[in-house]
């Protein structure tokens, strides 16, 4: 019996000097906790709520927006916050249908798993409880957790997006930086259009948004009418670094400026504190969202959203207005990451 208890304890927590990866509960909700002691960073993930990272605490301050008293309240009424994964499509579709391989697929709005009415939005995985943790480990250089979503096992989802696929998402915490790595596997017999993305909510704790300076490394702005791209692009007129005071955003950007590491580096900064969001090359599009609240005051977050294509890419590609639609071949895989790096905290 003692041996069994010890074995269970080891399976629940992986510790390697500086790094920790463990199963835990937070207000009764099963979570994963990754910690980097030297950097003072702890990440909390709720696999049963969309596999959502909802806290990235840096020396005790959460740099992810999480407007709930606790994760139990979040589970009861989940909204977009933290780091939501948007799939099988991100953002909006222009109609209740999409095109793939020269075929038009109609969405079944009667199933009740799609938001947005005439303009379907954000897919249906952002708060799904169907993720399964498949690996959890801490080593000398990192702590990580991998979770899998077998999309093909869910008839209500296959009815909407009839491509058999799996998602594997890995959160890797190393040297104070969080990597979010996604692998998509197409198990179907046809090429699958890729329209996914993430919707991370960033903030600098304790400092109002009007006091932040932002950097958006993009050469072109996506032109849109009522939040739907027209297929036209114009030069990005924003300065390299600018104050967010008086600015709101719900904008798309392409032709991202890449650093020597191949990543596009977005950031917010205030009082010597900085939060960087870095996109890998297969995220060629960014949506930037920084709204005001109903009271007209700025909400204290900004979203730098890594996207595989512009909003409504699947339908614009069919119309000949967007030549950069990414696809996953039959039996193929797609993998990419984005990174979050805090400094000065």
C-alpha atoms as a PDB file:
ATOM      1  CA  UNK A   1       0.000   0.000   0.000  1.00  0.00           C
ATOM      2  CA  UNK A   2       2.820   2.441   0.912  1.00  0.00           C
ATOM      3  CA  UNK A   3       4.504   1.730  -2.425  1.00  0.00           C
ATOM      4  CA  UNK A   4       1.262   2.470  -4.299  1.00  0.00           C
ATOM      5  CA  UNK A   5       0.836   5.764  -2.448  1.00  0.00           C
ATOM      6  CA  UNK A   6       4.407   6.815  -3.223  1.00  0.00           C
ATOM      7  CA  UNK A   7       3.966   5.917  -6.894  1.00  0.00           C
ATOM      8  CA  UNK A   8       0.775   7.991  -7.096  1.00  0.00           C
ATOM      9  CA  UNK A   9       2.470  10.960  -5.448  1.00  0.00           C
ATOM     10  CA  UNK A  10       5.311  10.838  -7.963  1.00  0.00           C
ATOM     11  CA  UNK A  11       2.848  10.670 -10.857  1.00  0.00           C
ATOM     12  CA  UNK A  12       0.986  13.713  -9.569  1.00  0.00           C
ATOM     13  CA  UNK A  13       4.053  15.953  -9.155  1.00  0.00           C
ATOM     14  CA  UNK A  14       7.244  16.208 -11.180  1.00  0.00           C
ATOM     15  CA  UNK A  15      10.048  18.211  -9.592  1.00  0.00           C
ATOM     16  CA  UNK A  16      13.527  18.874 -10.968  1.00  0.00           C
ATOM     17  CA  UNK A  17      15.347  21.382  -8.751  1.00  0.00           C
ATOM     18  CA  UNK A  18      14.196  24.738 -10.120  1.00  0.00           C
ATOM     19  CA  UNK A  19      11.189  23.500 -12.134  1.00  0.00           C
ATOM     20  CA  UNK A  20       7.919  21.954 -10.983  1.00  0.00           C
ATOM     21  CA  UNK A  21       5.040  20.443 -12.964  1.00  0.00           C
ATOM     22  CA  UNK A  22       2.084  19.123 -10.994  1.00  0.00           C
ATOM     23  CA  UNK A  23      -1.558  18.185 -10.925  1.00  0.00           C
ATOM     24  CA  UNK A  24      -3.475  20.215  -8.355  1.00  0.00           C
ATOM     25  CA  UNK A  25      -6.912  21.610  -7.593  1.00  0.00           C
ATOM     26  CA  UNK A  26      -7.945  25.254  -7.396  1.00  0.00           C
ATOM     27  CA  UNK A  27     -11.321  25.866  -5.694  1.00  0.00           C
ATOM     28  CA  UNK A  28     -12.233  22.276  -6.541  1.00  0.00           C
ATOM     29  CA  UNK A  29     -11.264  22.507 -10.222  1.00  0.00           C
ATOM     30  CA  UNK A  30      -8.501  20.186 -11.504  1.00  0.00           C
ATOM     31  CA  UNK A  31      -5.589  22.254 -12.784  1.00  0.00           C
ATOM     32  CA  UNK A  32      -1.983  21.953 -13.878  1.00  0.00           C
ATOM     33  CA  UNK A  33       0.648  24.125 -12.208  1.00  0.00           C
ATOM     34  CA  UNK A  34       4.002  24.815 -13.855  1.00  0.00           C
ATOM     35  CA  UNK A  35       6.606  26.729 -11.870  1.00  0.00           C
ATOM     36  CA  UNK A  36      10.015  28.251 -12.542  1.00  0.00           C
ATOM     37  CA  UNK A  37      11.357  29.110  -9.098  1.00  0.00           C
ATOM     38  CA  UNK A  38      14.420  31.045 -10.261  1.00  0.00           C
ATOM     39  CA  UNK A  39      12.381  33.353 -12.516  1.00  0.00           C
ATOM     40  CA  UNK A  40       9.507  33.687 -10.045  1.00  0.00           C
ATOM     41  CA  UNK A  41       6.994  32.524 -12.649  1.00  0.00           C
ATOM     42  CA  UNK A  42       4.027  30.210 -12.089  1.00  0.00           C
ATOM     43  CA  UNK A  43       1.500  29.196 -14.730  1.00  0.00           C
ATOM     44  CA  UNK A  44      -1.925  27.697 -14.010  1.00  0.00           C
ATOM     45  CA  UNK A  45      -3.882  25.774 -16.649  1.00  0.00           C
ATOM     46  CA  UNK A  46      -7.414  24.375 -16.499  1.00  0.00           C
ATOM     47  CA  UNK A  47      -7.555  21.351 -18.864  1.00  0.00           C
ATOM     48  CA  UNK A  48     -11.313  20.920 -18.335  1.00  0.00           C
ATOM     49  CA  UNK A  49     -12.016  24.551 -19.319  1.00  0.00           C
ATOM     50  CA  UNK A  50     -10.659  24.617 -22.844  1.00  0.00           C
ATOM     51  CA  UNK A  51      -7.160  23.685 -21.647  1.00  0.00           C
ATOM     52  CA  UNK A  52      -6.968  27.370 -20.799  1.00  0.00           C
ATOM     53  CA  UNK A  53      -3.957  28.979 -19.149  1.00  0.00           C
ATOM     54  CA  UNK A  54      -5.657  31.500 -16.877  1.00  0.00           C
ATOM     55  CA  UNK A  55      -2.765  32.726 -14.758  1.00  0.00           C
ATOM     56  CA  UNK A  56       0.856  33.534 -15.530  1.00  0.00           C
ATOM     57  CA  UNK A  57       2.022  34.945 -12.243  1.00  0.00           C
ATOM     58  CA  UNK A  58       5.322  36.811 -12.294  1.00  0.00           C
ATOM     59  CA  UNK A  59       6.509  37.412  -8.730  1.00  0.00           C
ATOM     60  CA  UNK A  60       2.867  37.178  -7.686  1.00  0.00           C
ATOM     61  CA  UNK A  61       1.313  39.429 -10.366  1.00  0.00           C
ATOM     62  CA  UNK A  62      -0.828  37.882 -13.106  1.00  0.00           C
ATOM     63  CA  UNK A  63       0.118  39.205 -16.556  1.00  0.00           C
ATOM     64  CA  UNK A  64      -2.947  37.491 -18.090  1.00  0.00           C
ATOM     65  CA  UNK A  65      -6.325  39.159 -17.753  1.00  0.00           C
ATOM     66  CA  UNK A  66      -8.582  36.973 -15.595  1.00  0.00           C
ATOM     67  CA  UNK A  67     -11.682  38.871 -14.400  1.00  0.00           C
ATOM     68  CA  UNK A  68     -12.907  36.230 -11.925  1.00  0.00           C
ATOM     69  CA  UNK A  69     -12.465  35.794  -8.170  1.00  0.00           C
ATOM     70  CA  UNK A  70     -11.398  32.182  -8.759  1.00  0.00           C
ATOM     71  CA  UNK A  71     -11.384  29.410 -11.358  1.00  0.00           C
ATOM     72  CA  UNK A  72     -14.613  27.857 -10.006  1.00  0.00           C
ATOM     73  CA  UNK A  73     -16.479  31.052 -10.906  1.00  0.00           C
ATOM     74  CA  UNK A  74     -14.813  30.916 -14.303  1.00  0.00           C
ATOM     75  CA  UNK A  75     -16.018  27.348 -14.897  1.00  0.00           C
ATOM     76  CA  UNK A  76     -19.628  28.346 -14.158  1.00  0.00           C
ATOM     77  CA  UNK A  77     -19.657  31.216 -16.667  1.00  0.00           C
ATOM     78  CA  UNK A  78     -16.619  30.953 -18.963  1.00  0.00           C
ATOM     79  CA  UNK A  79     -15.809  33.951 -21.136  1.00  0.00           C
ATOM     80  CA  UNK A  80     -12.718  34.765 -23.154  1.00  0.00           C
ATOM     81  CA  UNK A  81      -9.782  35.599 -20.892  1.00  0.00           C
ATOM     82  CA  UNK A  82      -6.350  34.159 -20.143  1.00  0.00           C
ATOM     83  CA  UNK A  83      -5.166  32.287 -23.264  1.00  0.00           C
ATOM     84  CA  UNK A  84      -8.174  30.893 -25.172  1.00  0.00           C
ATOM     85  CA  UNK A  85      -7.667  28.539 -28.111  1.00  0.00           C
ATOM     86  CA  UNK A  86     -10.027  29.285 -31.009  1.00  0.00           C
ATOM     87  CA  UNK A  87     -10.836  26.340 -33.294  1.00  0.00           C
ATOM     88  CA  UNK A  88     -11.719  24.911 -35.718  1.00  0.00           C
ATOM     89  CA  UNK A  89     -11.924  28.529 -36.844  1.00  0.00           C
ATOM     90  CA  UNK A  90     -10.869  31.727 -35.121  1.00  0.00           C
ATOM     91  CA  UNK A  91     -12.698  35.033 -35.326  1.00  0.00           C
ATOM     92  CA  UNK A  92     -15.601  35.412 -37.738  1.00  0.00           C
ATOM     93  CA  UNK A  93     -16.981  33.627 -40.748  1.00  0.00           C
ATOM     94  CA  UNK A  94     -18.901  35.758 -43.231  1.00  0.00           C
ATOM     95  CA  UNK A  95     -21.831  33.327 -43.263  1.00  0.00           C
ATOM     96  CA  UNK A  96     -23.089  30.116 -41.687  1.00  0.00           C
ATOM     97  CA  UNK A  97     -20.896  28.053 -43.980  1.00  0.00           C
ATOM     98  CA  UNK A  98     -17.315  27.682 -45.177  1.00  0.00           C
ATOM     99  CA  UNK A  99     -15.484  26.496 -48.261  1.00  0.00           C
ATOM    100  CA  UNK A 100     -12.888  23.716 -48.408  1.00  0.00           C
ATOM    101  CA  UNK A 101     -11.520  21.867 -51.456  1.00  0.00           C
ATOM    102  CA  UNK A 102     -14.061  23.638 -53.687  1.00  0.00           C
ATOM    103  CA  UNK A 103     -16.954  22.324 -51.618  1.00  0.00           C
ATOM    104  CA  UNK A 104     -19.306  24.408 -49.503  1.00  0.00           C
ATOM    105  CA  UNK A 105     -20.003  23.059 -46.011  1.00  0.00           C
ATOM    106  CA  UNK A 106     -23.078  24.308 -44.170  1.00  0.00           C
ATOM    107  CA  UNK A 107     -22.971  24.810 -40.410  1.00  0.00           C
ATOM    108  CA  UNK A 108     -25.791  23.277 -38.378  1.00  0.00           C
ATOM    109  CA  UNK A 109     -26.863  26.139 -36.125  1.00  0.00           C
ATOM    110  CA  UNK A 110     -29.538  23.945 -34.563  1.00  0.00           C
ATOM    111  CA  UNK A 111     -26.912  21.928 -32.668  1.00  0.00           C
ATOM    112  CA  UNK A 112     -26.384  24.886 -30.367  1.00  0.00           C
ATOM    113  CA  UNK A 113     -22.589  24.705 -30.191  1.00  0.00           C
ATOM    114  CA  UNK A 114     -21.848  27.768 -32.352  1.00  0.00           C
ATOM    115  CA  UNK A 115     -21.908  31.375 -31.181  1.00  0.00           C
ATOM    116  CA  UNK A 116     -22.595  34.445 -33.261  1.00  0.00           C
ATOM    117  CA  UNK A 117     -25.816  33.749 -35.145  1.00  0.00           C
ATOM    118  CA  UNK A 118     -25.529  34.996 -38.750  1.00  0.00           C
ATOM    119  CA  UNK A 119     -21.794  35.626 -38.247  1.00  0.00           C
ATOM    120  CA  UNK A 120     -20.369  32.498 -36.546  1.00  0.00           C
ATOM    121  CA  UNK A 121     -17.443  33.357 -34.299  1.00  0.00           C
ATOM    122  CA  UNK A 122     -14.515  31.633 -32.526  1.00  0.00           C
ATOM    123  CA  UNK A 123     -15.438  27.986 -33.156  1.00  0.00           C
ATOM    124  CA  UNK A 124     -16.429  25.884 -30.142  1.00  0.00           C
ATOM    125  CA  UNK A 125     -13.337  24.705 -28.259  1.00  0.00           C
ATOM    126  CA  UNK A 126     -12.493  27.717 -26.087  1.00  0.00           C
ATOM    127  CA  UNK A 127     -14.116  26.244 -22.944  1.00  0.00           C
ATOM    128  CA  UNK A 128     -14.445  22.576 -23.891  1.00  0.00           C
ATOM    129  CA  UNK A 129     -14.019  20.026 -21.048  1.00  0.00           C
ATOM    130  CA  UNK A 130     -12.823  17.295 -23.440  1.00  0.00           C
ATOM    131  CA  UNK A 131      -9.059  17.864 -23.280  1.00  0.00           C
ATOM    132  CA  UNK A 132      -6.958  15.056 -21.797  1.00  0.00           C
ATOM    133  CA  UNK A 133      -3.552  15.513 -20.182  1.00  0.00           C
ATOM    134  CA  UNK A 134      -1.120  13.034 -21.784  1.00  0.00           C
ATOM    135  CA  UNK A 135       2.283  14.187 -20.471  1.00  0.00           C
ATOM    136  CA  UNK A 136       3.537  16.160 -17.477  1.00  0.00           C
ATOM    137  CA  UNK A 137       7.212  16.617 -16.670  1.00  0.00           C
ATOM    138  CA  UNK A 138       9.773  18.849 -14.998  1.00  0.00           C
ATOM    139  CA  UNK A 139      13.427  18.653 -15.997  1.00  0.00           C
ATOM    140  CA  UNK A 140      16.586  20.628 -15.391  1.00  0.00           C
ATOM    141  CA  UNK A 141      15.693  23.174 -18.082  1.00  0.00           C
ATOM    142  CA  UNK A 142      11.894  23.353 -18.165  1.00  0.00           C
ATOM    143  CA  UNK A 143       8.494  22.220 -16.949  1.00  0.00           C
ATOM    144  CA  UNK A 144       5.811  21.234 -19.414  1.00  0.00           C
ATOM    145  CA  UNK A 145       2.393  19.695 -19.896  1.00  0.00           C
ATOM    146  CA  UNK A 146       0.867  18.275 -23.072  1.00  0.00           C
ATOM    147  CA  UNK A 147      -2.875  17.814 -23.542  1.00  0.00           C
ATOM    148  CA  UNK A 148      -4.738  16.240 -26.443  1.00  0.00           C
ATOM    149  CA  UNK A 149      -8.110  16.909 -27.987  1.00  0.00           C
ATOM    150  CA  UNK A 150      -9.495  14.148 -30.231  1.00  0.00           C
ATOM    151  CA  UNK A 151     -11.799  16.265 -32.364  1.00  0.00           C
ATOM    152  CA  UNK A 152     -12.794  13.282 -34.513  1.00  0.00           C
ATOM    153  CA  UNK A 153     -14.453  11.529 -31.551  1.00  0.00           C
ATOM    154  CA  UNK A 154     -17.147  14.222 -31.196  1.00  0.00           C
ATOM    155  CA  UNK A 155     -20.100  13.888 -33.604  1.00  0.00           C
ATOM    156  CA  UNK A 156     -21.483  17.342 -32.731  1.00  0.00           C
ATOM    157  CA  UNK A 157     -18.172  18.907 -33.784  1.00  0.00           C
ATOM    158  CA  UNK A 158     -17.631  16.743 -36.842  1.00  0.00           C
ATOM    159  CA  UNK A 159     -21.109  17.794 -38.000  1.00  0.00           C
ATOM    160  CA  UNK A 160     -19.846  21.388 -38.162  1.00  0.00           C
ATOM    161  CA  UNK A 161     -16.285  20.903 -39.398  1.00  0.00           C
ATOM    162  CA  UNK A 162     -16.171  17.431 -41.005  1.00  0.00           C
ATOM    163  CA  UNK A 163     -12.404  16.885 -40.968  1.00  0.00           C
ATOM    164  CA  UNK A 164     -11.103  14.186 -38.629  1.00  0.00           C
ATOM    165  CA  UNK A 165      -8.270  15.753 -36.641  1.00  0.00           C
ATOM    166  CA  UNK A 166      -6.497  15.934 -33.311  1.00  0.00           C
ATOM    167  CA  UNK A 167      -4.949  18.842 -31.452  1.00  0.00           C
ATOM    168  CA  UNK A 168      -2.005  18.562 -29.093  1.00  0.00           C
ATOM    169  CA  UNK A 169      -1.183  21.624 -27.023  1.00  0.00           C
ATOM    170  CA  UNK A 170       1.978  21.867 -24.954  1.00  0.00           C
ATOM    171  CA  UNK A 171       2.735  24.570 -22.415  1.00  0.00           C
ATOM    172  CA  UNK A 172       6.488  24.793 -21.787  1.00  0.00           C
ATOM    173  CA  UNK A 173       7.875  27.035 -19.058  1.00  0.00           C
ATOM    174  CA  UNK A 174      11.618  27.674 -19.364  1.00  0.00           C
ATOM    175  CA  UNK A 175      13.838  30.533 -18.147  1.00  0.00           C
ATOM    176  CA  UNK A 176      10.809  32.631 -17.285  1.00  0.00           C
ATOM    177  CA  UNK A 177       9.299  32.312 -20.764  1.00  0.00           C
ATOM    178  CA  UNK A 178       6.100  30.403 -21.584  1.00  0.00           C
ATOM    179  CA  UNK A 179       5.929  28.640 -24.944  1.00  0.00           C
ATOM    180  CA  UNK A 180       2.516  27.556 -26.242  1.00  0.00           C
ATOM    181  CA  UNK A 181       3.094  24.875 -28.875  1.00  0.00           C
ATOM    182  CA  UNK A 182       0.275  23.488 -30.982  1.00  0.00           C
ATOM    183  CA  UNK A 183       0.287  20.454 -33.280  1.00  0.00           C
ATOM    184  CA  UNK A 184      -2.635  19.739 -35.585  1.00  0.00           C
ATOM    185  CA  UNK A 185      -2.897  16.302 -37.193  1.00  0.00           C
ATOM    186  CA  UNK A 186      -5.243  15.806 -40.128  1.00  0.00           C
ATOM    187  CA  UNK A 187      -6.596  12.256 -39.966  1.00  0.00           C
ATOM    188  CA  UNK A 188      -9.007  12.694 -42.869  1.00  0.00           C
ATOM    189  CA  UNK A 189      -8.553  11.689 -46.494  1.00  0.00           C
ATOM    190  CA  UNK A 190      -8.620  15.254 -47.837  1.00  0.00           C
ATOM    191  CA  UNK A 191      -6.566  18.372 -47.319  1.00  0.00           C
ATOM    192  CA  UNK A 192      -7.935  20.415 -44.410  1.00  0.00           C
ATOM    193  CA  UNK A 193      -8.055  24.220 -44.350  1.00  0.00           C
ATOM    194  CA  UNK A 194      -6.484  25.724 -41.251  1.00  0.00           C
ATOM    195  CA  UNK A 195      -8.267  28.673 -39.664  1.00  0.00           C
ATOM    196  CA  UNK A 196      -7.219  28.447 -36.007  1.00  0.00           C
ATOM    197  CA  UNK A 197      -5.685  30.935 -33.604  1.00  0.00           C
ATOM    198  CA  UNK A 198      -5.233  32.015 -30.008  1.00  0.00           C
ATOM    199  CA  UNK A 199      -6.730  35.015 -28.202  1.00  0.00           C
ATOM    200  CA  UNK A 200      -4.326  35.846 -25.317  1.00  0.00           C
ATOM    201  CA  UNK A 201      -5.208  38.686 -22.954  1.00  0.00           C
ATOM    202  CA  UNK A 202      -2.162  40.565 -21.636  1.00  0.00           C
ATOM    203  CA  UNK A 203      -1.797  43.219 -18.976  1.00  0.00           C
ATOM    204  CA  UNK A 204       0.742  44.927 -16.742  1.00  0.00           C
ATOM    205  CA  UNK A 205      -0.690  44.389 -13.250  1.00  0.00           C
ATOM    206  CA  UNK A 206      -1.475  47.511 -11.269  1.00  0.00           C
ATOM    207  CA  UNK A 207      -0.822  49.952 -14.126  1.00  0.00           C
ATOM    208  CA  UNK A 208      -3.742  51.339 -16.228  1.00  0.00           C
ATOM    209  CA  UNK A 209      -3.691  50.680 -19.971  1.00  0.00           C
ATOM    210  CA  UNK A 210      -3.471  54.392 -20.762  1.00  0.00           C
ATOM    211  CA  UNK A 211       0.029  54.316 -19.263  1.00  0.00           C
ATOM    212  CA  UNK A 212       1.301  51.462 -21.431  1.00  0.00           C
ATOM    213  CA  UNK A 213       3.491  51.803 -24.516  1.00  0.00           C
ATOM    214  CA  UNK A 214       2.830  49.275 -27.291  1.00  0.00           C
ATOM    215  CA  UNK A 215       4.782  47.835 -30.188  1.00  0.00           C
ATOM    216  CA  UNK A 216       3.005  46.213 -33.155  1.00  0.00           C
ATOM    217  CA  UNK A 217       5.594  44.843 -35.627  1.00  0.00           C
ATOM    218  CA  UNK A 218       3.558  44.799 -38.835  1.00  0.00           C
ATOM    219  CA  UNK A 219       3.961  46.457 -42.209  1.00  0.00           C
ATOM    220  CA  UNK A 220       0.351  46.158 -43.376  1.00  0.00           C
ATOM    221  CA  UNK A 221      -3.110  46.682 -41.923  1.00  0.00           C
ATOM    222  CA  UNK A 222      -6.044  44.442 -42.878  1.00  0.00           C
ATOM    223  CA  UNK A 223      -8.905  46.532 -44.215  1.00  0.00           C
ATOM    224  CA  UNK A 224     -12.329  45.439 -42.969  1.00  0.00           C
ATOM    225  CA  UNK A 225     -15.985  46.371 -43.016  1.00  0.00           C
ATOM    226  CA  UNK A 226     -17.963  45.467 -39.878  1.00  0.00           C
ATOM    227  CA  UNK A 227     -15.019  43.329 -38.687  1.00  0.00           C
ATOM    228  CA  UNK A 228     -14.906  41.264 -41.892  1.00  0.00           C
ATOM    229  CA  UNK A 229     -11.836  41.736 -44.119  1.00  0.00           C
ATOM    230  CA  UNK A 230     -12.407  42.942 -47.659  1.00  0.00           C
ATOM    231  CA  UNK A 231      -9.243  41.310 -49.001  1.00  0.00           C
ATOM    232  CA  UNK A 232      -7.513  44.693 -49.234  1.00  0.00           C
ATOM    233  CA  UNK A 233      -4.471  45.809 -47.233  1.00  0.00           C
ATOM    234  CA  UNK A 234      -2.904  49.181 -46.520  1.00  0.00           C
ATOM    235  CA  UNK A 235       0.427  50.227 -44.999  1.00  0.00           C
ATOM    236  CA  UNK A 236       0.452  50.205 -41.206  1.00  0.00           C
ATOM    237  CA  UNK A 237       0.595  53.860 -40.149  1.00  0.00           C
ATOM    238  CA  UNK A 238       1.374  53.252 -36.470  1.00  0.00           C
ATOM    239  CA  UNK A 239       4.770  54.360 -35.162  1.00  0.00           C
ATOM    240  CA  UNK A 240       7.198  51.706 -34.014  1.00  0.00           C
ATOM    241  CA  UNK A 241       6.399  52.480 -30.373  1.00  0.00           C
ATOM    242  CA  UNK A 242       3.362  54.445 -29.189  1.00  0.00           C
ATOM    243  CA  UNK A 243       1.272  55.218 -26.127  1.00  0.00           C
ATOM    244  CA  UNK A 244      -2.017  53.343 -25.834  1.00  0.00           C
ATOM    245  CA  UNK A 245      -3.672  56.401 -24.314  1.00  0.00           C
ATOM    246  CA  UNK A 246      -6.686  57.278 -26.440  1.00  0.00           C
ATOM    247  CA  UNK A 247      -6.291  54.152 -28.613  1.00  0.00           C
ATOM    248  CA  UNK A 248      -8.702  51.272 -29.076  1.00  0.00           C
ATOM    249  CA  UNK A 249      -8.120  48.332 -31.401  1.00  0.00           C
ATOM    250  CA  UNK A 250     -10.047  45.624 -33.181  1.00  0.00           C
ATOM    251  CA  UNK A 251      -7.670  45.338 -36.114  1.00  0.00           C
ATOM    252  CA  UNK A 252      -5.860  42.793 -38.225  1.00  0.00           C
ATOM    253  CA  UNK A 253      -2.220  43.056 -39.293  1.00  0.00           C
ATOM    254  CA  UNK A 254      -0.098  41.108 -41.792  1.00  0.00           C
ATOM    255  CA  UNK A 255       3.430  41.191 -43.215  1.00  0.00           C
ATOM    256  CA  UNK A 256       4.848  40.925 -39.727  1.00  0.00           C
ATOM    257  CA  UNK A 257       8.368  42.154 -39.035  1.00  0.00           C
ATOM    258  CA  UNK A 258      10.545  39.226 -37.951  1.00  0.00           C
ATOM    259  CA  UNK A 259      13.615  39.366 -35.739  1.00  0.00           C
ATOM    260  CA  UNK A 260      16.743  37.247 -36.269  1.00  0.00           C
ATOM    261  CA  UNK A 261      15.048  34.410 -34.349  1.00  0.00           C
ATOM    262  CA  UNK A 262      12.260  34.311 -36.966  1.00  0.00           C
ATOM    263  CA  UNK A 263       9.688  35.572 -34.485  1.00  0.00           C
ATOM    264  CA  UNK A 264       7.514  38.689 -34.603  1.00  0.00           C
ATOM    265  CA  UNK A 265       7.864  40.499 -31.261  1.00  0.00           C
ATOM    266  CA  UNK A 266       4.759  42.335 -29.966  1.00  0.00           C
ATOM    267  CA  UNK A 267       4.949  44.079 -26.602  1.00  0.00           C
ATOM    268  CA  UNK A 268       3.493  46.341 -23.954  1.00  0.00           C
ATOM    269  CA  UNK A 269       5.674  48.261 -21.503  1.00  0.00           C
ATOM    270  CA  UNK A 270       5.236  50.562 -18.510  1.00  0.00           C
ATOM    271  CA  UNK A 271       7.331  51.600 -15.491  1.00  0.00           C
ATOM    272  CA  UNK A 272      10.201  49.366 -16.603  1.00  0.00           C
ATOM    273  CA  UNK A 273       7.957  46.316 -16.872  1.00  0.00           C
ATOM    274  CA  UNK A 274       7.484  44.591 -20.201  1.00  0.00           C
ATOM    275  CA  UNK A 275       5.355  41.773 -21.591  1.00  0.00           C
ATOM    276  CA  UNK A 276       6.429  40.391 -24.960  1.00  0.00           C
ATOM    277  CA  UNK A 277       4.349  38.121 -27.194  1.00  0.00           C
ATOM    278  CA  UNK A 278       6.374  36.429 -29.929  1.00  0.00           C
ATOM    279  CA  UNK A 279       4.817  34.679 -32.944  1.00  0.00           C
ATOM    280  CA  UNK A 280       6.458  31.826 -34.834  1.00  0.00           C
ATOM    281  CA  UNK A 281       6.601  32.013 -38.686  1.00  0.00           C
ATOM    282  CA  UNK A 282       3.413  29.977 -39.268  1.00  0.00           C
ATOM    283  CA  UNK A 283       1.455  32.698 -37.472  1.00  0.00           C
ATOM    284  CA  UNK A 284       1.645  35.351 -40.205  1.00  0.00           C
ATOM    285  CA  UNK A 285      -1.364  37.326 -38.970  1.00  0.00           C
ATOM    286  CA  UNK A 286      -2.095  39.232 -35.780  1.00  0.00           C
ATOM    287  CA  UNK A 287      -5.405  40.486 -34.483  1.00  0.00           C
ATOM    288  CA  UNK A 288      -4.950  43.263 -31.944  1.00  0.00           C
ATOM    289  CA  UNK A 289      -7.873  43.931 -29.616  1.00  0.00           C
ATOM    290  CA  UNK A 290      -7.919  46.633 -26.966  1.00  0.00           C
ATOM    291  CA  UNK A 291     -11.507  47.777 -26.346  1.00  0.00           C
ATOM    292  CA  UNK A 292     -13.197  50.241 -24.050  1.00  0.00           C
ATOM    293  CA  UNK A 293     -15.823  49.070 -21.600  1.00  0.00           C
ATOM    294  CA  UNK A 294     -19.473  50.065 -21.627  1.00  0.00           C
ATOM    295  CA  UNK A 295     -18.536  53.038 -19.473  1.00  0.00           C
ATOM    296  CA  UNK A 296     -16.237  54.293 -22.214  1.00  0.00           C
ATOM    297  CA  UNK A 297     -13.111  53.675 -20.153  1.00  0.00           C
ATOM    298  CA  UNK A 298     -10.234  51.498 -21.411  1.00  0.00           C
ATOM    299  CA  UNK A 299     -10.285  47.872 -20.332  1.00  0.00           C
ATOM    300  CA  UNK A 300      -6.914  47.090 -18.777  1.00  0.00           C
ATOM    301  CA  UNK A 301      -5.788  44.457 -21.250  1.00  0.00           C
ATOM    302  CA  UNK A 302      -4.630  44.115 -24.831  1.00  0.00           C
ATOM    303  CA  UNK A 303      -4.823  41.026 -27.024  1.00  0.00           C
ATOM    304  CA  UNK A 304      -2.029  40.155 -29.440  1.00  0.00           C
ATOM    305  CA  UNK A 305      -3.667  37.212 -31.185  1.00  0.00           C
ATOM    306  CA  UNK A 306      -1.530  34.792 -33.248  1.00  0.00           C
ATOM    307  CA  UNK A 307      -3.514  33.654 -36.278  1.00  0.00           C
ATOM    308  CA  UNK A 308      -2.794  31.274 -39.156  1.00  0.00           C
ATOM    309  CA  UNK A 309      -4.780  33.497 -41.533  1.00  0.00           C
ATOM    310  CA  UNK A 310      -6.859  36.628 -41.656  1.00  0.00           C
ATOM    311  CA  UNK A 311     -10.451  36.571 -40.433  1.00  0.00           C
ATOM    312  CA  UNK A 312     -12.741  34.588 -42.783  1.00  0.00           C
ATOM    313  CA  UNK A 313      -9.691  33.275 -44.655  1.00  0.00           C
ATOM    314  CA  UNK A 314     -11.431  30.054 -45.739  1.00  0.00           C
ATOM    315  CA  UNK A 315     -14.153  31.941 -47.605  1.00  0.00           C
ATOM    316  CA  UNK A 316     -11.948  34.760 -48.888  1.00  0.00           C
ATOM    317  CA  UNK A 317      -9.545  32.179 -50.338  1.00  0.00           C
ATOM    318  CA  UNK A 318     -12.413  30.607 -52.278  1.00  0.00           C
ATOM    319  CA  UNK A 319     -13.331  34.063 -53.598  1.00  0.00           C
ATOM    320  CA  UNK A 320      -9.775  34.597 -54.784  1.00  0.00           C
ATOM    321  CA  UNK A 321      -9.166  37.433 -52.315  1.00  0.00           C
ATOM    322  CA  UNK A 322      -6.672  35.735 -49.990  1.00  0.00           C
ATOM    323  CA  UNK A 323      -3.920  33.558 -51.494  1.00  0.00           C
ATOM    324  CA  UNK A 324      -2.244  32.623 -48.206  1.00  0.00           C
ATOM    325  CA  UNK A 325      -4.672  30.093 -46.728  1.00  0.00           C
ATOM    326  CA  UNK A 326      -2.765  27.403 -44.836  1.00  0.00           C
ATOM    327  CA  UNK A 327      -3.810  23.767 -45.161  1.00  0.00           C
ATOM    328  CA  UNK A 328      -2.821  20.444 -43.614  1.00  0.00           C
ATOM    329  CA  UNK A 329      -2.505  17.601 -46.153  1.00  0.00           C
ATOM    330  CA  UNK A 330      -4.307  14.313 -45.603  1.00  0.00           C
ATOM    331  CA  UNK A 331      -2.392  12.425 -42.921  1.00  0.00           C
ATOM    332  CA  UNK A 332      -0.155  15.439 -42.321  1.00  0.00           C
ATOM    333  CA  UNK A 333       0.855  17.522 -39.311  1.00  0.00           C
ATOM    334  CA  UNK A 334       1.153  21.246 -38.633  1.00  0.00           C
ATOM    335  CA  UNK A 335       3.125  22.609 -35.676  1.00  0.00           C
ATOM    336  CA  UNK A 336       3.845  26.135 -34.471  1.00  0.00           C
ATOM    337  CA  UNK A 337       4.451  28.072 -31.257  1.00  0.00           C
ATOM    338  CA  UNK A 338       4.113  31.475 -29.729  1.00  0.00           C
ATOM    339  CA  UNK A 339       5.972  32.678 -26.654  1.00  0.00           C
ATOM    340  CA  UNK A 340       5.252  35.005 -23.729  1.00  0.00           C
ATOM    341  CA  UNK A 341       8.217  36.667 -22.041  1.00  0.00           C
ATOM    342  CA  UNK A 342       7.857  39.050 -19.058  1.00  0.00           C
ATOM    343  CA  UNK A 343      10.748  41.218 -17.884  1.00  0.00           C
ATOM    344  CA  UNK A 344      11.371  43.945 -15.329  1.00  0.00           C
ATOM    345  CA  UNK A 345       8.889  42.567 -12.780  1.00  0.00           C
END
